[in-house]
Amino acid sequence: MESGPAIFAGLVFALFGGGLLAWTAARVRHREPVAHGVSPVASATLATVAALLTLALGAWCFSGL
């Protein structure tokens, strides 16, 4: 029964990480700010790192099945 919550958590993390990565890439590609009032390079880097970490967390949740 523990695989159900792991699948749900992995799916949530994977969807959030993928969505954040796609959104960040689209903002950078169109040369629009990722976060207002912050350095464009710093905000894009931080958002990319956060997206990759959540994707890794989602993969870790799936690997425990």
C-alpha atoms as a PDB file:
ATOM      1  CA  MET A   1       0.000   0.000   0.000  1.00  0.00           C
ATOM      2  CA  GLU A   2       2.953   2.336   0.319  1.00  0.00           C
ATOM      3  CA  SER A   3       3.398   2.535  -3.434  1.00  0.00           C
ATOM      4  CA  GLY A   4       0.211   4.594  -3.872  1.00  0.00           C
ATOM      5  CA  PRO A   5       1.440   7.660  -1.965  1.00  0.00           C
ATOM      6  CA  ALA A   6       4.892   7.314  -3.549  1.00  0.00           C
ATOM      7  CA  ILE A   7       3.368   7.328  -7.023  1.00  0.00           C
ATOM      8  CA  PHE A   8       1.253  10.366  -6.188  1.00  0.00           C
ATOM      9  CA  ALA A   9       4.175  12.275  -4.660  1.00  0.00           C
ATOM     10  CA  GLY A  10       6.467  11.343  -7.546  1.00  0.00           C
ATOM     11  CA  LEU A  11       3.877  12.469 -10.060  1.00  0.00           C
ATOM     12  CA  VAL A  12       3.339  15.794  -8.281  1.00  0.00           C
ATOM     13  CA  PHE A  13       7.071  16.484  -8.063  1.00  0.00           C
ATOM     14  CA  ALA A  14       7.645  15.470 -11.684  1.00  0.00           C
ATOM     15  CA  LEU A  15       4.790  17.630 -12.990  1.00  0.00           C
ATOM     16  CA  PHE A  16       5.857  20.639 -10.945  1.00  0.00           C
ATOM     17  CA  GLY A  17       9.530  20.281 -11.906  1.00  0.00           C
ATOM     18  CA  GLY A  18       8.730  19.784 -15.581  1.00  0.00           C
ATOM     19  CA  GLY A  19       6.318  22.705 -15.624  1.00  0.00           C
ATOM     20  CA  LEU A  20       8.767  25.002 -13.853  1.00  0.00           C
ATOM     21  CA  LEU A  21      11.575  23.993 -16.203  1.00  0.00           C
ATOM     22  CA  ALA A  22       9.413  24.556 -19.289  1.00  0.00           C
ATOM     23  CA  TRP A  23       8.154  27.911 -17.986  1.00  0.00           C
ATOM     24  CA  THR A  24      11.684  29.077 -17.138  1.00  0.00           C
ATOM     25  CA  ALA A  25      12.974  28.019 -20.553  1.00  0.00           C
ATOM     26  CA  ALA A  26      10.135  29.872 -22.292  1.00  0.00           C
ATOM     27  CA  ARG A  27      10.774  33.052 -20.279  1.00  0.00           C
ATOM     28  CA  VAL A  28      14.511  32.933 -20.972  1.00  0.00           C
ATOM     29  CA  ARG A  29      13.979  32.168 -24.666  1.00  0.00           C
ATOM     30  CA  HIS A  30      11.736  35.243 -25.048  1.00  0.00           C
ATOM     31  CA  ARG A  31      14.153  37.349 -22.991  1.00  0.00           C
ATOM     32  CA  GLU A  32      11.490  38.090 -20.388  1.00  0.00           C
ATOM     33  CA  PRO A  33      12.203  38.259 -16.650  1.00  0.00           C
ATOM     34  CA  VAL A  34      11.800  35.068 -14.665  1.00  0.00           C
ATOM     35  CA  ALA A  35      11.278  37.059 -11.444  1.00  0.00           C
ATOM     36  CA  HIS A  36      10.685  40.786 -11.182  1.00  0.00           C
ATOM     37  CA  GLY A  37      13.212  42.851  -9.279  1.00  0.00           C
ATOM     38  CA  VAL A  38      15.928  40.187  -9.347  1.00  0.00           C
ATOM     39  CA  SER A  39      18.951  39.707 -11.577  1.00  0.00           C
ATOM     40  CA  PRO A  40      17.830  37.835 -14.728  1.00  0.00           C
ATOM     41  CA  VAL A  41      20.742  35.412 -14.544  1.00  0.00           C
ATOM     42  CA  ALA A  42      20.270  34.705 -10.843  1.00  0.00           C
ATOM     43  CA  SER A  43      16.521  34.170 -11.123  1.00  0.00           C
ATOM     44  CA  ALA A  44      16.837  31.886 -14.160  1.00  0.00           C
ATOM     45  CA  THR A  45      19.583  29.903 -12.459  1.00  0.00           C
ATOM     46  CA  LEU A  46      17.672  29.530  -9.206  1.00  0.00           C
ATOM     47  CA  ALA A  47      14.468  28.502 -11.009  1.00  0.00           C
ATOM     48  CA  THR A  48      16.371  25.950 -13.107  1.00  0.00           C
ATOM     49  CA  VAL A  49      18.075  24.475 -10.046  1.00  0.00           C
ATOM     50  CA  ALA A  50      14.736  24.258  -8.221  1.00  0.00           C
ATOM     51  CA  ALA A  51      13.140  22.549 -11.235  1.00  0.00           C
ATOM     52  CA  LEU A  52      15.954  20.021 -11.522  1.00  0.00           C
ATOM     53  CA  LEU A  53      15.821  19.287  -7.793  1.00  0.00           C
ATOM     54  CA  THR A  54      12.083  18.616  -7.900  1.00  0.00           C
ATOM     55  CA  LEU A  55      12.515  16.392 -10.956  1.00  0.00           C
ATOM     56  CA  ALA A  56      15.223  14.473  -9.095  1.00  0.00           C
ATOM     57  CA  LEU A  57      12.950  14.187  -6.065  1.00  0.00           C
ATOM     58  CA  GLY A  58      10.176  12.850  -8.276  1.00  0.00           C
ATOM     59  CA  ALA A  59      12.552  10.281  -9.760  1.00  0.00           C
ATOM     60  CA  TRP A  60      13.629   9.282  -6.252  1.00  0.00           C
ATOM     61  CA  CYS A  61      10.001   8.756  -5.268  1.00  0.00           C
ATOM     62  CA  PHE A  62       9.490   6.517  -8.306  1.00  0.00           C
ATOM     63  CA  SER A  63      12.683   4.556  -7.656  1.00  0.00           C
ATOM     64  CA  GLY A  64      11.459   3.460  -4.233  1.00  0.00           C
ATOM     65  CA  LEU A  65       8.586   1.460  -5.705  1.00  0.00           C
END
